[in-house]
Amino acid sequence: MIVTCRVIRQTGDIMELECDIPDLGTTKRKRKLSAYNEFMRECLRRRTEPIQERFKICAEEYKRNKK
């Protein structure tokens, strides 16, 4: 069974998803962002480097903080 979901709206740290589930139709679900996604979102917003460089820096920073 393949479930396909798309983000409808994101408010704070909650994502509202609309999922197509075979045999059940379309349902709406809410999910809290993972710690990684929350960290990356905040880090990418506060840095000013070009986006590719910013992403690499934030990923390395997350790995360092995780240990």
N, C-alpha and C. Protein backbone atom coordinates (compact mmCIF):
# COMPACT_ATOMS: atom_id res chain seq x y z
N MET A 1 0.85 -1.18 0.00
CA MET A 1 0.00 0.00 0.00
C MET A 1 0.89 1.25 0.00
N ILE A 2 0.66 2.15 -0.92
CA ILE A 2 1.42 3.39 -1.01
C ILE A 2 0.53 4.55 -0.56
N VAL A 3 1.00 5.25 0.47
CA VAL A 3 0.28 6.41 0.99
C VAL A 3 1.01 7.66 0.49
N THR A 4 0.28 8.57 -0.12
CA THR A 4 0.85 9.81 -0.63
C THR A 4 0.33 10.97 0.20
N CYS A 5 1.27 11.76 0.76
CA CYS A 5 0.87 12.90 1.59
C CYS A 5 1.47 14.18 1.04
N ARG A 6 0.77 15.28 1.23
CA ARG A 6 1.30 16.60 0.86
C ARG A 6 0.98 17.58 1.99
N VAL A 7 1.87 18.54 2.16
CA VAL A 7 1.69 19.53 3.22
C VAL A 7 0.66 20.55 2.76
N ILE A 8 -0.36 20.75 3.58
CA ILE A 8 -1.38 21.75 3.28
C ILE A 8 -0.98 23.07 3.91
N ARG A 9 -0.56 22.99 5.17
CA ARG A 9 -0.26 24.21 5.92
C ARG A 9 0.73 23.85 7.02
N GLN A 10 1.58 24.81 7.37
CA GLN A 10 2.50 24.62 8.48
C GLN A 10 2.37 25.80 9.41
N THR A 11 2.03 25.53 10.66
CA THR A 11 1.86 26.57 11.66
C THR A 11 2.79 26.26 12.82
N GLY A 12 3.79 27.11 13.02
CA GLY A 12 4.75 26.84 14.09
C GLY A 12 5.45 25.52 13.82
N ASP A 13 5.38 24.60 14.80
CA ASP A 13 6.05 23.32 14.63
C ASP A 13 5.07 22.19 14.27
N ILE A 14 3.87 22.54 13.81
CA ILE A 14 2.87 21.54 13.42
C ILE A 14 2.62 21.62 11.91
N MET A 15 2.72 20.48 11.23
CA MET A 15 2.40 20.41 9.80
C MET A 15 1.04 19.75 9.65
N GLU A 16 0.20 20.32 8.82
CA GLU A 16 -1.08 19.70 8.50
C GLU A 16 -0.94 19.04 7.14
N LEU A 17 -1.16 17.74 7.08
CA LEU A 17 -0.97 16.97 5.86
C LEU A 17 -2.30 16.47 5.33
N GLU A 18 -2.38 16.32 4.02
CA GLU A 18 -3.52 15.67 3.39
C GLU A 18 -2.98 14.41 2.74
N CYS A 19 -3.49 13.25 3.15
CA CYS A 19 -2.94 11.97 2.69
C CYS A 19 -3.98 11.19 1.89
N ASP A 20 -3.54 10.63 0.77
CA ASP A 20 -4.38 9.75 -0.05
C ASP A 20 -4.01 8.31 0.31
N ILE A 21 -4.98 7.59 0.88
CA ILE A 21 -4.75 6.22 1.31
C ILE A 21 -5.64 5.29 0.47
N PRO A 22 -5.02 4.33 -0.22
CA PRO A 22 -5.82 3.40 -1.03
C PRO A 22 -6.90 2.73 -0.17
N ASP A 23 -8.07 2.57 -0.72
CA ASP A 23 -9.23 1.93 -0.08
C ASP A 23 -9.87 2.77 1.02
N LEU A 24 -9.21 3.82 1.51
CA LEU A 24 -9.78 4.65 2.57
C LEU A 24 -10.09 6.06 2.11
N GLY A 25 -9.51 6.48 1.00
CA GLY A 25 -9.75 7.82 0.49
C GLY A 25 -8.75 8.83 1.02
N THR A 26 -9.18 10.08 1.13
CA THR A 26 -8.31 11.17 1.56
C THR A 26 -8.58 11.50 3.02
N THR A 27 -7.50 11.64 3.79
CA THR A 27 -7.64 12.01 5.20
C THR A 27 -6.70 13.16 5.50
N LYS A 28 -6.99 13.91 6.54
CA LYS A 28 -6.11 14.98 6.99
C LYS A 28 -5.45 14.55 8.29
N ARG A 29 -4.17 14.85 8.42
CA ARG A 29 -3.42 14.48 9.61
C ARG A 29 -2.56 15.65 10.04
N LYS A 30 -2.20 15.66 11.31
CA LYS A 30 -1.29 16.69 11.82
C LYS A 30 -0.06 16.00 12.36
N ARG A 31 1.10 16.56 12.08
CA ARG A 31 2.37 16.00 12.53
C ARG A 31 3.23 17.10 13.12
N LYS A 32 3.95 16.76 14.17
CA LYS A 32 4.91 17.69 14.75
C LYS A 32 6.22 17.51 13.99
N LEU A 33 6.92 18.60 13.73
CA LEU A 33 8.21 18.52 13.04
C LEU A 33 9.21 17.75 13.90
N SER A 34 10.11 17.02 13.24
CA SER A 34 11.16 16.31 13.96
C SER A 34 12.15 17.34 14.52
N ALA A 35 12.95 16.92 15.48
CA ALA A 35 13.96 17.81 16.07
C ALA A 35 14.91 18.32 14.99
N TYR A 36 15.28 17.44 14.05
CA TYR A 36 16.18 17.82 12.95
C TYR A 36 15.54 18.92 12.10
N ASN A 37 14.28 18.72 11.70
CA ASN A 37 13.61 19.71 10.86
C ASN A 37 13.44 21.05 11.57
N GLU A 38 13.11 21.02 12.86
CA GLU A 38 12.98 22.26 13.62
C GLU A 38 14.31 23.00 13.67
N PHE A 39 15.40 22.24 13.95
CA PHE A 39 16.72 22.85 14.03
C PHE A 39 17.12 23.46 12.68
N MET A 40 16.94 22.68 11.60
CA MET A 40 17.34 23.16 10.28
C MET A 40 16.54 24.39 9.87
N ARG A 41 15.26 24.40 10.15
CA ARG A 41 14.43 25.56 9.79
C ARG A 41 14.93 26.82 10.48
N GLU A 42 15.20 26.72 11.77
CA GLU A 42 15.66 27.88 12.53
C GLU A 42 17.06 28.30 12.08
N CYS A 43 17.94 27.33 11.87
CA CYS A 43 19.32 27.62 11.47
C CYS A 43 19.36 28.28 10.08
N LEU A 44 18.59 27.76 9.14
CA LEU A 44 18.57 28.32 7.79
C LEU A 44 18.03 29.75 7.78
N ARG A 45 17.13 30.05 8.68
CA ARG A 45 16.58 31.41 8.76
C ARG A 45 17.58 32.40 9.33
N ARG A 46 18.39 31.97 10.31
CA ARG A 46 19.27 32.93 10.98
C ARG A 46 20.59 33.17 10.24
N ARG A 47 20.98 32.26 9.36
CA ARG A 47 22.24 32.43 8.63
C ARG A 47 22.01 33.24 7.35
N THR A 48 23.10 33.84 6.85
CA THR A 48 22.97 34.72 5.68
C THR A 48 23.79 34.26 4.47
N GLU A 49 24.53 33.16 4.58
CA GLU A 49 25.32 32.67 3.46
C GLU A 49 24.39 32.20 2.33
N PRO A 50 24.97 31.94 1.13
CA PRO A 50 24.17 31.36 0.04
C PRO A 50 23.54 30.04 0.52
N ILE A 51 22.38 29.69 0.00
CA ILE A 51 21.57 28.59 0.54
C ILE A 51 22.31 27.25 0.58
N GLN A 52 23.08 26.89 -0.44
CA GLN A 52 23.78 25.60 -0.42
C GLN A 52 24.81 25.56 0.69
N GLU A 53 25.55 26.65 0.84
CA GLU A 53 26.56 26.73 1.90
C GLU A 53 25.87 26.74 3.27
N ARG A 54 24.78 27.47 3.36
CA ARG A 54 24.02 27.57 4.60
C ARG A 54 23.54 26.18 5.05
N PHE A 55 23.03 25.39 4.08
CA PHE A 55 22.53 24.06 4.40
C PHE A 55 23.65 23.17 4.94
N LYS A 56 24.82 23.20 4.28
CA LYS A 56 25.96 22.39 4.73
C LYS A 56 26.38 22.79 6.14
N ILE A 57 26.47 24.10 6.40
CA ILE A 57 26.87 24.59 7.72
C ILE A 57 25.88 24.14 8.78
N CYS A 58 24.60 24.27 8.49
CA CYS A 58 23.57 23.89 9.47
C CYS A 58 23.58 22.39 9.73
N ALA A 59 23.77 21.58 8.69
CA ALA A 59 23.82 20.12 8.87
C ALA A 59 25.00 19.73 9.74
N GLU A 60 26.16 20.36 9.51
CA GLU A 60 27.34 20.08 10.33
C GLU A 60 27.11 20.53 11.77
N GLU A 61 26.49 21.68 11.95
CA GLU A 61 26.19 22.20 13.28
C GLU A 61 25.24 21.25 14.02
N TYR A 62 24.25 20.72 13.31
CA TYR A 62 23.31 19.77 13.93
C TYR A 62 24.04 18.51 14.39
N LYS A 63 24.94 17.98 13.54
CA LYS A 63 25.70 16.78 13.90
C LYS A 63 26.55 17.03 15.14
N ARG A 64 27.21 18.21 15.20
CA ARG A 64 28.04 18.54 16.38
C ARG A 64 27.19 18.64 17.64
N ASN A 65 26.05 19.30 17.55
CA ASN A 65 25.18 19.49 18.71
C ASN A 65 24.55 18.18 19.17
N LYS A 66 24.35 17.26 18.24
CA LYS A 66 23.71 15.98 18.56
C LYS A 66 24.61 15.11 19.43
N LYS A 67 25.92 15.21 19.24
CA LYS A 67 26.88 14.36 19.97
C LYS A 67 27.05 14.79 21.39
